[in-house]
Amino acid sequence: MMSRRSAVFFALSSLLFGGTFVAAKAGLSYFPPLLFVALRYDIAAVVMLAYVGLTGSRSTLLPQSRGDVASILATGVLAIGVTNALLFVGQQYVSSAVSSIIYSLNPIMTPVFAAALLSDERLSRRGAAGMGLGLVGVGLVVSPDPANLLAGAVGKGILFVAAISAALGAVLIRRADSDLSSPVRVAWGLPFAAALSHLLAWASGESAAAITWTTEALLALGYVSVFAGAIAYVAYFGLIDSAGAIRANLIFYVVPVVSALGGWALLGETIDAIAIAGFLTIFAGFAVLGSKSIEIGSLLPDVGSDVPSSSADGESVVREEPRGYRSD
């Protein structure tokens, strides 16, 4: 079960990331994609560096180990920089709905990297079934036009690589086992993400002269920088620390739900019966992930080494595995 802290991080990152696809799609009407990402992280980096500088001591701000440095690089280069550069470029070719469903492959790929790189995170059959249900639910919520879903191979390929980058970055952060707090790690990682995005924008020939400054452009940039940038990343990377990479990336099943509900509440968009069925399917997937498994061995008499060990006071000790997961 998630702790209360993890649950708050899960809800906060899901809610704030939920508006990213819509804000990014809106902002791309005014900004070149890579320059949009670069400006996003320029602003987010200033906000986060100011925050940790005012609230932390020198000893808590500086990396002290290779693990700290590795976690910063995984955060800034992969989980934030490469992922969002590809995400914003890919969204030029497809709708925000199609983007969100492709990016929702992230939770499916995270266990693959976790199996290879982590010793404490494994997905059980029940966990795989829960994730499968979640992905089906995302497809029902988004309900993309089949013609649009099959078209635009270039954009979809870019978005798929973005999802791979995000999954690998999350697992490498967990593997680094850093002692840095989530805000400090984000504050260090954002300048790397900004520098990488500016380099990519320059290499692709993007120019600030192509930006159209309007109220809508400023609102889109402000949202993706501060709310879906600094605040959401602190919550998301804090969730990785407390709940693990596999569980943390389940937020990307909730993001399309938040986007759909936000469009209904704020923009007057309709939610049809298929979308409601998708909500229920996602919740069913989470229920499967969180439910206790029924092992055949638990229904049979204890035999030999299967007898639970006893504590000093004579009570049986039963080791519980995280629900939906298994250890080595």
C-alpha atoms as a PDB file:
ATOM      1  CA  MET A   1       0.000   0.000   0.000  1.00  0.00           C
ATOM      2  CA  MET A   2       1.175   3.551  -0.652  1.00  0.00           C
ATOM      3  CA  SER A   3       2.007   5.765   2.283  1.00  0.00           C
ATOM      4  CA  ARG A   4       0.068   8.977   2.763  1.00  0.00           C
ATOM      5  CA  ARG A   5       3.079  10.946   1.483  1.00  0.00           C
ATOM      6  CA  SER A   6       3.260   8.822  -1.666  1.00  0.00           C
ATOM      7  CA  ALA A   7      -0.483   9.196  -2.208  1.00  0.00           C
ATOM      8  CA  VAL A   8      -0.184  12.998  -2.041  1.00  0.00           C
ATOM      9  CA  PHE A   9       2.716  12.925  -4.519  1.00  0.00           C
ATOM     10  CA  PHE A  10       0.738  10.609  -6.804  1.00  0.00           C
ATOM     11  CA  ALA A  11      -2.339  12.840  -6.789  1.00  0.00           C
ATOM     12  CA  LEU A  12      -0.365  16.063  -7.210  1.00  0.00           C
ATOM     13  CA  SER A  13       1.826  14.860 -10.086  1.00  0.00           C
ATOM     14  CA  SER A  14      -1.151  13.230 -11.853  1.00  0.00           C
ATOM     15  CA  LEU A  15      -3.208  16.410 -11.545  1.00  0.00           C
ATOM     16  CA  LEU A  16      -0.479  18.792 -12.723  1.00  0.00           C
ATOM     17  CA  PHE A  17       0.851  16.551 -15.494  1.00  0.00           C
ATOM     18  CA  GLY A  18      -2.744  16.080 -16.645  1.00  0.00           C
ATOM     19  CA  GLY A  19      -2.777  19.511 -18.235  1.00  0.00           C
ATOM     20  CA  THR A  20       0.616  19.157 -19.902  1.00  0.00           C
ATOM     21  CA  PHE A  21      -0.562  17.627 -23.177  1.00  0.00           C
ATOM     22  CA  VAL A  22      -3.245  20.280 -23.673  1.00  0.00           C
ATOM     23  CA  ALA A  23      -0.952  23.172 -22.673  1.00  0.00           C
ATOM     24  CA  ALA A  24       1.874  21.839 -24.832  1.00  0.00           C
ATOM     25  CA  LYS A  25      -0.403  21.466 -27.844  1.00  0.00           C
ATOM     26  CA  ALA A  26      -1.696  25.014 -27.316  1.00  0.00           C
ATOM     27  CA  GLY A  27       1.794  26.441 -26.846  1.00  0.00           C
ATOM     28  CA  LEU A  28       3.116  24.846 -30.025  1.00  0.00           C
ATOM     29  CA  SER A  29       0.960  27.306 -31.967  1.00  0.00           C
ATOM     30  CA  TYR A  30       3.231  30.085 -30.706  1.00  0.00           C
ATOM     31  CA  PHE A  31       6.628  28.479 -30.013  1.00  0.00           C
ATOM     32  CA  PRO A  32       9.024  26.261 -31.977  1.00  0.00           C
ATOM     33  CA  PRO A  33       8.916  22.941 -30.070  1.00  0.00           C
ATOM     34  CA  LEU A  34      12.485  22.629 -28.797  1.00  0.00           C
ATOM     35  CA  LEU A  35      12.711  26.307 -27.904  1.00  0.00           C
ATOM     36  CA  PHE A  36       9.407  25.923 -26.064  1.00  0.00           C
ATOM     37  CA  VAL A  37      10.944  23.129 -23.991  1.00  0.00           C
ATOM     38  CA  ALA A  38      14.133  25.139 -23.412  1.00  0.00           C
ATOM     39  CA  LEU A  39      12.244  28.219 -22.171  1.00  0.00           C
ATOM     40  CA  ARG A  40      10.097  25.984 -20.001  1.00  0.00           C
ATOM     41  CA  TYR A  41      13.135  24.654 -18.193  1.00  0.00           C
ATOM     42  CA  ASP A  42      14.878  28.037 -18.023  1.00  0.00           C
ATOM     43  CA  ILE A  43      11.953  29.298 -15.953  1.00  0.00           C
ATOM     44  CA  ALA A  44      11.542  26.098 -13.945  1.00  0.00           C
ATOM     45  CA  ALA A  45      15.280  26.020 -13.136  1.00  0.00           C
ATOM     46  CA  VAL A  46      15.226  29.592 -11.799  1.00  0.00           C
ATOM     47  CA  VAL A  47      12.175  28.798  -9.650  1.00  0.00           C
ATOM     48  CA  MET A  48      13.658  25.586  -8.231  1.00  0.00           C
ATOM     49  CA  LEU A  49      17.165  26.950  -7.634  1.00  0.00           C
ATOM     50  CA  ALA A  50      15.704  29.927  -5.785  1.00  0.00           C
ATOM     51  CA  TYR A  51      13.481  27.643  -3.711  1.00  0.00           C
ATOM     52  CA  VAL A  52      16.172  25.185  -2.607  1.00  0.00           C
ATOM     53  CA  GLY A  53      18.641  28.005  -2.054  1.00  0.00           C
ATOM     54  CA  LEU A  54      16.262  29.712   0.362  1.00  0.00           C
ATOM     55  CA  THR A  55      15.065  26.587   2.159  1.00  0.00           C
ATOM     56  CA  GLY A  56      18.130  24.300   2.286  1.00  0.00           C
ATOM     57  CA  SER A  57      21.563  24.374   3.870  1.00  0.00           C
ATOM     58  CA  ARG A  58      24.798  24.129   1.910  1.00  0.00           C
ATOM     59  CA  SER A  59      25.411  20.581   3.122  1.00  0.00           C
ATOM     60  CA  THR A  60      22.076  19.385   1.715  1.00  0.00           C
ATOM     61  CA  LEU A  61      22.461  21.139  -1.636  1.00  0.00           C
ATOM     62  CA  LEU A  62      25.776  19.760  -2.885  1.00  0.00           C
ATOM     63  CA  PRO A  63      26.182  16.262  -4.389  1.00  0.00           C
ATOM     64  CA  GLN A  64      28.267  14.091  -2.096  1.00  0.00           C
ATOM     65  CA  SER A  65      28.587  10.804  -3.969  1.00  0.00           C
ATOM     66  CA  ARG A  66      28.603   9.179  -7.387  1.00  0.00           C
ATOM     67  CA  GLY A  67      25.026   8.135  -6.738  1.00  0.00           C
ATOM     68  CA  ASP A  68      24.024  11.773  -6.260  1.00  0.00           C
ATOM     69  CA  VAL A  69      25.684  12.763  -9.552  1.00  0.00           C
ATOM     70  CA  ALA A  70      24.163   9.786 -11.382  1.00  0.00           C
ATOM     71  CA  SER A  71      20.678  10.652 -10.115  1.00  0.00           C
ATOM     72  CA  ILE A  72      21.069  14.287 -11.226  1.00  0.00           C
ATOM     73  CA  LEU A  73      22.146  13.245 -14.729  1.00  0.00           C
ATOM     74  CA  ALA A  74      19.355  10.664 -15.017  1.00  0.00           C
ATOM     75  CA  THR A  75      16.879  13.327 -13.911  1.00  0.00           C
ATOM     76  CA  GLY A  76      18.087  16.205 -16.087  1.00  0.00           C
ATOM     77  CA  VAL A  77      19.218  14.407 -19.224  1.00  0.00           C
ATOM     78  CA  LEU A  78      16.806  11.470 -19.565  1.00  0.00           C
ATOM     79  CA  ALA A  79      13.724  11.836 -17.368  1.00  0.00           C
ATOM     80  CA  ILE A  80      13.284  15.547 -18.097  1.00  0.00           C
ATOM     81  CA  GLY A  81      15.476  16.718 -20.996  1.00  0.00           C
ATOM     82  CA  VAL A  82      15.368  14.054 -23.726  1.00  0.00           C
ATOM     83  CA  THR A  83      11.875  12.920 -22.754  1.00  0.00           C
ATOM     84  CA  ASN A  84      10.240  16.323 -23.097  1.00  0.00           C
ATOM     85  CA  ALA A  85      12.241  17.414 -26.131  1.00  0.00           C
ATOM     86  CA  LEU A  86      10.916  14.349 -27.957  1.00  0.00           C
ATOM     87  CA  LEU A  87       7.446  14.766 -26.471  1.00  0.00           C
ATOM     88  CA  PHE A  88       7.041  18.336 -27.704  1.00  0.00           C
ATOM     89  CA  VAL A  89       8.496  17.543 -31.139  1.00  0.00           C
ATOM     90  CA  GLY A  90       6.256  14.502 -31.506  1.00  0.00           C
ATOM     91  CA  GLN A  91       3.143  16.472 -30.596  1.00  0.00           C
ATOM     92  CA  GLN A  92       3.531  18.530 -33.756  1.00  0.00           C
ATOM     93  CA  TYR A  93       2.423  15.499 -35.770  1.00  0.00           C
ATOM     94  CA  VAL A  94      -0.392  14.023 -33.679  1.00  0.00           C
ATOM     95  CA  SER A  95      -3.267  15.146 -31.489  1.00  0.00           C
ATOM     96  CA  SER A  96      -2.902  15.513 -27.724  1.00  0.00           C
ATOM     97  CA  ALA A  97      -5.209  12.495 -27.285  1.00  0.00           C
ATOM     98  CA  VAL A  98      -3.013  10.244 -29.410  1.00  0.00           C
ATOM     99  CA  SER A  99       0.088  11.641 -27.679  1.00  0.00           C
ATOM    100  CA  SER A 100      -1.244  10.758 -24.249  1.00  0.00           C
ATOM    101  CA  ILE A 101      -2.102   7.171 -25.183  1.00  0.00           C
ATOM    102  CA  ILE A 102       1.333   6.542 -26.724  1.00  0.00           C
ATOM    103  CA  TYR A 103       3.059   8.093 -23.728  1.00  0.00           C
ATOM    104  CA  SER A 104       0.934   5.841 -21.508  1.00  0.00           C
ATOM    105  CA  LEU A 105       3.109   2.949 -22.700  1.00  0.00           C
ATOM    106  CA  ASN A 106       5.630   4.289 -20.173  1.00  0.00           C
ATOM    107  CA  PRO A 107       4.311   2.161 -17.246  1.00  0.00           C
ATOM    108  CA  ILE A 108       4.453  -0.933 -19.453  1.00  0.00           C
ATOM    109  CA  MET A 109       8.135  -0.395 -20.279  1.00  0.00           C
ATOM    110  CA  THR A 110       9.281   0.588 -16.782  1.00  0.00           C
ATOM    111  CA  PRO A 111       9.151  -3.011 -15.434  1.00  0.00           C
ATOM    112  CA  VAL A 112      11.329  -4.129 -18.358  1.00  0.00           C
ATOM    113  CA  PHE A 113      14.134  -1.776 -17.319  1.00  0.00           C
ATOM    114  CA  ALA A 114      13.480  -2.459 -13.629  1.00  0.00           C
ATOM    115  CA  ALA A 115      13.907  -6.191 -14.164  1.00  0.00           C
ATOM    116  CA  ALA A 116      17.332  -5.600 -15.688  1.00  0.00           C
ATOM    117  CA  LEU A 117      18.602  -2.812 -13.442  1.00  0.00           C
ATOM    118  CA  LEU A 118      16.861  -3.118 -10.073  1.00  0.00           C
ATOM    119  CA  SER A 119      16.875  -5.979  -7.612  1.00  0.00           C
ATOM    120  CA  ASP A 120      13.948  -4.797  -5.485  1.00  0.00           C
ATOM    121  CA  GLU A 121      11.288  -4.149  -8.133  1.00  0.00           C
ATOM    122  CA  ARG A 122       9.688  -6.974 -10.065  1.00  0.00           C
ATOM    123  CA  LEU A 123       6.250  -7.125 -11.616  1.00  0.00           C
ATOM    124  CA  SER A 124       4.161 -10.185 -10.824  1.00  0.00           C
ATOM    125  CA  ARG A 125       1.554 -11.690 -13.105  1.00  0.00           C
ATOM    126  CA  ARG A 126      -1.130  -9.880 -11.131  1.00  0.00           C
ATOM    127  CA  GLY A 127       0.788  -6.629 -11.561  1.00  0.00           C
ATOM    128  CA  ALA A 128       1.084  -7.210 -15.316  1.00  0.00           C
ATOM    129  CA  ALA A 129      -2.656  -7.893 -15.533  1.00  0.00           C
ATOM    130  CA  GLY A 130      -3.391  -4.676 -13.647  1.00  0.00           C
ATOM    131  CA  MET A 131      -1.162  -2.663 -15.957  1.00  0.00           C
ATOM    132  CA  GLY A 132      -2.790  -4.253 -18.983  1.00  0.00           C
ATOM    133  CA  LEU A 133      -6.213  -3.235 -17.734  1.00  0.00           C
ATOM    134  CA  GLY A 134      -4.929   0.273 -17.125  1.00  0.00           C
ATOM    135  CA  LEU A 135      -3.649   0.595 -20.687  1.00  0.00           C
ATOM    136  CA  VAL A 136      -6.985  -0.626 -22.077  1.00  0.00           C
ATOM    137  CA  GLY A 137      -8.711   1.965 -19.909  1.00  0.00           C
ATOM    138  CA  VAL A 138      -6.476   4.744 -21.252  1.00  0.00           C
ATOM    139  CA  GLY A 139      -7.405   3.742 -24.785  1.00  0.00           C
ATOM    140  CA  LEU A 140     -11.116   3.936 -23.921  1.00  0.00           C
ATOM    141  CA  VAL A 141     -10.762   7.326 -22.216  1.00  0.00           C
ATOM    142  CA  VAL A 142      -8.798   8.882 -25.054  1.00  0.00           C
ATOM    143  CA  SER A 143     -10.840   7.131 -27.778  1.00  0.00           C
ATOM    144  CA  PRO A 144      -8.681   8.382 -30.652  1.00  0.00           C
ATOM    145  CA  ASP A 145      -9.984   8.236 -34.190  1.00  0.00           C
ATOM    146  CA  PRO A 146      -8.675   4.916 -35.587  1.00  0.00           C
ATOM    147  CA  ALA A 147      -7.516   6.726 -38.718  1.00  0.00           C
ATOM    148  CA  ASN A 148      -5.509   9.199 -36.620  1.00  0.00           C
ATOM    149  CA  LEU A 149      -4.177   6.434 -34.398  1.00  0.00           C
ATOM    150  CA  LEU A 150      -2.744   4.559 -37.375  1.00  0.00           C
ATOM    151  CA  ALA A 151      -1.471   7.633 -39.247  1.00  0.00           C
ATOM    152  CA  GLY A 152       1.538   9.822 -38.484  1.00  0.00           C
ATOM    153  CA  ALA A 153       4.170   7.142 -37.941  1.00  0.00           C
ATOM    154  CA  VAL A 154       6.983   9.679 -37.517  1.00  0.00           C
ATOM    155  CA  GLY A 155       5.304  11.538 -34.672  1.00  0.00           C
ATOM    156  CA  LYS A 156       4.247   8.330 -32.948  1.00  0.00           C
ATOM    157  CA  GLY A 157       7.780   6.919 -33.212  1.00  0.00           C
ATOM    158  CA  ILE A 158       9.191  10.055 -31.585  1.00  0.00           C
ATOM    159  CA  LEU A 159       6.617   9.869 -28.778  1.00  0.00           C
ATOM    160  CA  PHE A 160       7.374   6.186 -28.224  1.00  0.00           C
ATOM    161  CA  VAL A 161      11.086   6.955 -27.799  1.00  0.00           C
ATOM    162  CA  ALA A 162      10.078   9.715 -25.351  1.00  0.00           C
ATOM    163  CA  ALA A 163       8.176   7.160 -23.286  1.00  0.00           C
ATOM    164  CA  ILE A 164      11.209   4.839 -23.334  1.00  0.00           C
ATOM    165  CA  SER A 165      13.460   7.689 -22.166  1.00  0.00           C
ATOM    166  CA  ALA A 166      11.105   8.525 -19.303  1.00  0.00           C
ATOM    167  CA  ALA A 167      10.890   4.891 -18.169  1.00  0.00           C
ATOM    168  CA  LEU A 168      14.665   4.381 -18.307  1.00  0.00           C
ATOM    169  CA  GLY A 169      15.305   7.673 -16.519  1.00  0.00           C
ATOM    170  CA  ALA A 170      12.954   6.757 -13.674  1.00  0.00           C
ATOM    171  CA  VAL A 171      14.630   3.384 -13.186  1.00  0.00           C
ATOM    172  CA  LEU A 172      18.148   4.880 -13.276  1.00  0.00           C
ATOM    173  CA  ILE A 173      17.143   7.440 -10.638  1.00  0.00           C
ATOM    174  CA  ARG A 174      15.990   4.610  -8.412  1.00  0.00           C
ATOM    175  CA  ARG A 175      19.155   2.625  -9.130  1.00  0.00           C
ATOM    176  CA  ALA A 176      21.411   5.574  -8.223  1.00  0.00           C
ATOM    177  CA  ASP A 177      20.060   5.457  -4.639  1.00  0.00           C
ATOM    178  CA  SER A 178      20.905   9.110  -4.062  1.00  0.00           C
ATOM    179  CA  ASP A 179      20.716  10.833  -0.694  1.00  0.00           C
ATOM    180  CA  LEU A 180      19.676  14.121  -2.312  1.00  0.00           C
ATOM    181  CA  SER A 181      16.119  15.255  -1.666  1.00  0.00           C
ATOM    182  CA  SER A 182      13.697  15.378  -4.582  1.00  0.00           C
ATOM    183  CA  PRO A 183      13.617  19.229  -4.763  1.00  0.00           C
ATOM    184  CA  VAL A 184      17.427  19.443  -4.748  1.00  0.00           C
ATOM    185  CA  ARG A 185      17.759  16.754  -7.412  1.00  0.00           C
ATOM    186  CA  VAL A 186      15.200  18.528  -9.604  1.00  0.00           C
ATOM    187  CA  ALA A 187      16.936  21.875  -9.058  1.00  0.00           C
ATOM    188  CA  TRP A 188      20.248  20.372 -10.237  1.00  0.00           C
ATOM    189  CA  GLY A 189      18.640  18.443 -13.096  1.00  0.00           C
ATOM    190  CA  LEU A 190      16.636  21.288 -14.652  1.00  0.00           C
ATOM    191  CA  PRO A 191      19.675  23.334 -15.850  1.00  0.00           C
ATOM    192  CA  PHE A 192      20.967  20.201 -17.615  1.00  0.00           C
ATOM    193  CA  ALA A 193      17.561  19.772 -19.260  1.00  0.00           C
ATOM    194  CA  ALA A 194      17.477  23.445 -20.267  1.00  0.00           C
ATOM    195  CA  ALA A 195      21.006  23.384 -21.706  1.00  0.00           C
ATOM    196  CA  LEU A 196      20.268  20.196 -23.671  1.00  0.00           C
ATOM    197  CA  SER A 197      17.040  21.681 -25.054  1.00  0.00           C
ATOM    198  CA  HIS A 198      18.756  24.915 -26.098  1.00  0.00           C
ATOM    199  CA  LEU A 199      21.485  22.895 -27.830  1.00  0.00           C
ATOM    200  CA  LEU A 200      18.919  20.813 -29.707  1.00  0.00           C
ATOM    201  CA  ALA A 201      16.948  23.943 -30.651  1.00  0.00           C
ATOM    202  CA  TRP A 202      20.091  25.601 -31.995  1.00  0.00           C
ATOM    203  CA  ALA A 203      21.132  22.462 -33.903  1.00  0.00           C
ATOM    204  CA  SER A 204      17.708  22.207 -35.542  1.00  0.00           C
ATOM    205  CA  GLY A 205      17.759  25.846 -36.628  1.00  0.00           C
ATOM    206  CA  GLU A 206      14.982  27.111 -34.368  1.00  0.00           C
ATOM    207  CA  SER A 207      14.989  30.859 -33.653  1.00  0.00           C
ATOM    208  CA  ALA A 208      13.429  33.125 -31.031  1.00  0.00           C
ATOM    209  CA  ALA A 209      12.188  35.271 -33.927  1.00  0.00           C
ATOM    210  CA  ALA A 210       9.635  32.541 -34.659  1.00  0.00           C
ATOM    211  CA  ILE A 211       7.931  32.984 -31.274  1.00  0.00           C
ATOM    212  CA  THR A 212       4.550  34.754 -31.248  1.00  0.00           C
ATOM    213  CA  TRP A 213       4.092  36.400 -27.861  1.00  0.00           C
ATOM    214  CA  THR A 214       0.419  36.452 -26.863  1.00  0.00           C
ATOM    215  CA  THR A 215      -1.502  36.071 -23.623  1.00  0.00           C
ATOM    216  CA  GLU A 216      -2.265  32.461 -24.525  1.00  0.00           C
ATOM    217  CA  ALA A 217       1.415  31.791 -25.213  1.00  0.00           C
ATOM    218  CA  LEU A 218       2.425  33.195 -21.823  1.00  0.00           C
ATOM    219  CA  LEU A 219      -0.252  31.166 -20.034  1.00  0.00           C
ATOM    220  CA  ALA A 220       0.852  27.949 -21.749  1.00  0.00           C
ATOM    221  CA  LEU A 221       4.516  28.652 -20.968  1.00  0.00           C
ATOM    222  CA  GLY A 222       3.738  29.564 -17.361  1.00  0.00           C
ATOM    223  CA  TYR A 223       1.742  26.393 -16.793  1.00  0.00           C
ATOM    224  CA  VAL A 224       4.270  23.962 -18.261  1.00  0.00           C
ATOM    225  CA  SER A 225       7.153  25.772 -16.515  1.00  0.00           C
ATOM    226  CA  VAL A 226       5.903  26.279 -12.965  1.00  0.00           C
ATOM    227  CA  PHE A 227       2.973  23.939 -12.387  1.00  0.00           C
ATOM    228  CA  ALA A 228       3.716  21.032 -14.761  1.00  0.00           C
ATOM    229  CA  GLY A 229       7.418  21.794 -14.427  1.00  0.00           C
ATOM    230  CA  ALA A 230       8.900  22.686 -11.053  1.00  0.00           C
ATOM    231  CA  ILE A 231       6.014  21.629  -8.775  1.00  0.00           C
ATOM    232  CA  ALA A 232       4.979  18.489 -10.655  1.00  0.00           C
ATOM    233  CA  TYR A 233       8.557  17.228 -11.010  1.00  0.00           C
ATOM    234  CA  VAL A 234       9.237  17.602  -7.285  1.00  0.00           C
ATOM    235  CA  ALA A 235       6.135  15.502  -6.597  1.00  0.00           C
ATOM    236  CA  TYR A 236       6.924  12.938  -9.319  1.00  0.00           C
ATOM    237  CA  PHE A 237      10.561  12.355  -8.384  1.00  0.00           C
ATOM    238  CA  GLY A 238       9.596  12.287  -4.712  1.00  0.00           C
ATOM    239  CA  LEU A 239       7.116   9.553  -5.636  1.00  0.00           C
ATOM    240  CA  ILE A 240       9.892   7.556  -7.327  1.00  0.00           C
ATOM    241  CA  ASP A 241      11.927   7.787  -4.119  1.00  0.00           C
ATOM    242  CA  SER A 242       9.090   6.681  -1.860  1.00  0.00           C
ATOM    243  CA  ALA A 243       7.128   4.210  -3.991  1.00  0.00           C
ATOM    244  CA  GLY A 244       9.570   2.984  -6.652  1.00  0.00           C
ATOM    245  CA  ALA A 245       9.841   3.556 -10.387  1.00  0.00           C
ATOM    246  CA  ILE A 246       7.149   1.065 -11.423  1.00  0.00           C
ATOM    247  CA  ARG A 247       4.447   2.428  -9.154  1.00  0.00           C
ATOM    248  CA  ALA A 248       5.447   6.049  -9.743  1.00  0.00           C
ATOM    249  CA  ASN A 249       4.981   5.736 -13.501  1.00  0.00           C
ATOM    250  CA  LEU A 250       1.411   4.544 -13.028  1.00  0.00           C
ATOM    251  CA  ILE A 251       0.550   8.253 -12.888  1.00  0.00           C
ATOM    252  CA  PHE A 252       0.679   8.184 -16.687  1.00  0.00           C
ATOM    253  CA  TYR A 253      -2.465   6.045 -16.640  1.00  0.00           C
ATOM    254  CA  VAL A 254      -4.226   8.709 -14.570  1.00  0.00           C
ATOM    255  CA  VAL A 255      -3.005  11.680 -16.634  1.00  0.00           C
ATOM    256  CA  PRO A 256      -5.463  11.083 -19.546  1.00  0.00           C
ATOM    257  CA  VAL A 257      -8.294  10.801 -17.018  1.00  0.00           C
ATOM    258  CA  VAL A 258      -7.346  14.150 -15.483  1.00  0.00           C
ATOM    259  CA  SER A 259      -7.068  15.700 -18.951  1.00  0.00           C
ATOM    260  CA  ALA A 260     -10.519  14.448 -19.918  1.00  0.00           C
ATOM    261  CA  LEU A 261     -12.131  15.635 -16.669  1.00  0.00           C
ATOM    262  CA  GLY A 262     -10.364  18.986 -16.937  1.00  0.00           C
ATOM    263  CA  GLY A 263     -11.656  19.470 -20.474  1.00  0.00           C
ATOM    264  CA  TRP A 264     -15.158  18.643 -19.284  1.00  0.00           C
ATOM    265  CA  ALA A 265     -15.038  20.972 -16.268  1.00  0.00           C
ATOM    266  CA  LEU A 266     -13.175  23.914 -17.810  1.00  0.00           C
ATOM    267  CA  LEU A 267     -13.805  23.748 -21.534  1.00  0.00           C
ATOM    268  CA  GLY A 268     -17.286  22.243 -21.730  1.00  0.00           C
ATOM    269  CA  GLU A 269     -16.049  19.120 -23.523  1.00  0.00           C
ATOM    270  CA  THR A 270     -18.285  16.070 -23.324  1.00  0.00           C
ATOM    271  CA  ILE A 271     -17.454  12.761 -21.691  1.00  0.00           C
ATOM    272  CA  ASP A 272     -19.177   9.871 -23.421  1.00  0.00           C
ATOM    273  CA  ALA A 273     -20.075   6.423 -22.155  1.00  0.00           C
ATOM    274  CA  ILE A 274     -16.889   4.889 -23.604  1.00  0.00           C
ATOM    275  CA  ALA A 275     -14.736   7.346 -21.632  1.00  0.00           C
ATOM    276  CA  ILE A 276     -16.626   6.502 -18.436  1.00  0.00           C
ATOM    277  CA  ALA A 277     -16.017   2.810 -19.157  1.00  0.00           C
ATOM    278  CA  GLY A 278     -12.337   3.717 -19.547  1.00  0.00           C
ATOM    279  CA  PHE A 279     -12.289   5.396 -16.127  1.00  0.00           C
ATOM    280  CA  LEU A 280     -13.759   2.281 -14.551  1.00  0.00           C
ATOM    281  CA  THR A 281     -11.299   0.024 -16.397  1.00  0.00           C
ATOM    282  CA  ILE A 282      -8.326   2.058 -15.148  1.00  0.00           C
ATOM    283  CA  PHE A 283      -9.657   1.902 -11.597  1.00  0.00           C
ATOM    284  CA  ALA A 284     -10.118  -1.856 -12.006  1.00  0.00           C
ATOM    285  CA  GLY A 285      -6.490  -2.112 -13.105  1.00  0.00           C
ATOM    286  CA  PHE A 286      -5.374  -0.269  -9.965  1.00  0.00           C
ATOM    287  CA  ALA A 287      -7.586  -2.530  -7.868  1.00  0.00           C
ATOM    288  CA  VAL A 288      -5.880  -5.593  -9.369  1.00  0.00           C
ATOM    289  CA  LEU A 289      -2.460  -4.060  -8.694  1.00  0.00           C
ATOM    290  CA  GLY A 290      -3.373  -3.337  -5.087  1.00  0.00           C
ATOM    291  CA  SER A 291      -5.279  -6.504  -4.240  1.00  0.00           C
ATOM    292  CA  LYS A 292      -3.837  -9.396  -2.293  1.00  0.00           C
ATOM    293  CA  SER A 293      -2.974 -12.385  -4.413  1.00  0.00           C
ATOM    294  CA  ILE A 294      -4.363 -15.795  -3.497  1.00  0.00           C
ATOM    295  CA  GLU A 295      -1.547 -18.321  -3.595  1.00  0.00           C
ATOM    296  CA  ILE A 296      -2.452 -21.988  -3.907  1.00  0.00           C
ATOM    297  CA  GLY A 297       0.184 -22.826  -1.307  1.00  0.00           C
ATOM    298  CA  SER A 298      -1.574 -20.696   1.279  1.00  0.00           C
ATOM    299  CA  LEU A 299      -4.646 -22.927   0.994  1.00  0.00           C
ATOM    300  CA  LEU A 300      -2.656 -26.115   1.703  1.00  0.00           C
ATOM    301  CA  PRO A 301      -1.257 -27.351   5.021  1.00  0.00           C
ATOM    302  CA  ASP A 302       2.211 -26.044   5.912  1.00  0.00           C
ATOM    303  CA  VAL A 303       4.907 -28.548   4.980  1.00  0.00           C
ATOM    304  CA  GLY A 304       8.587 -28.526   5.911  1.00  0.00           C
ATOM    305  CA  SER A 305      10.326 -25.326   4.947  1.00  0.00           C
ATOM    306  CA  ASP A 306       7.000 -23.709   4.135  1.00  0.00           C
ATOM    307  CA  VAL A 307       6.264 -23.288   7.857  1.00  0.00           C
ATOM    308  CA  PRO A 308       6.496 -19.586   8.757  1.00  0.00           C
ATOM    309  CA  SER A 309       9.389 -18.671  11.028  1.00  0.00           C
ATOM    310  CA  SER A 310       8.559 -17.633  14.570  1.00  0.00           C
ATOM    311  CA  SER A 311       9.627 -14.554  16.444  1.00  0.00           C
ATOM    312  CA  ALA A 312      11.054 -14.514  19.940  1.00  0.00           C
ATOM    313  CA  ASP A 313       7.597 -14.225  21.506  1.00  0.00           C
ATOM    314  CA  GLY A 314       6.346 -17.231  19.591  1.00  0.00           C
ATOM    315  CA  GLU A 315       4.222 -15.374  17.063  1.00  0.00           C
ATOM    316  CA  SER A 316       4.415 -16.351  13.430  1.00  0.00           C
ATOM    317  CA  VAL A 317       6.198 -13.988  11.123  1.00  0.00           C
ATOM    318  CA  VAL A 318       4.920 -13.763   7.575  1.00  0.00           C
ATOM    319  CA  ARG A 319       6.857 -11.678   5.065  1.00  0.00           C
ATOM    320  CA  GLU A 320       4.553  -9.681   2.820  1.00  0.00           C
ATOM    321  CA  GLU A 321       5.491  -8.727  -0.711  1.00  0.00           C
ATOM    322  CA  PRO A 322       4.391  -5.394  -2.170  1.00  0.00           C
ATOM    323  CA  ARG A 323       1.063  -5.936  -3.847  1.00  0.00           C
ATOM    324  CA  GLY A 324       1.369  -6.412  -7.571  1.00  0.00           C
ATOM    325  CA  TYR A 325       5.120  -6.955  -7.286  1.00  0.00           C
ATOM    326  CA  ARG A 326       7.594  -9.622  -6.297  1.00  0.00           C
ATOM    327  CA  SER A 327      11.132  -9.529  -4.989  1.00  0.00           C
ATOM    328  CA  ASP A 328      14.038 -11.740  -5.942  1.00  0.00           C
END
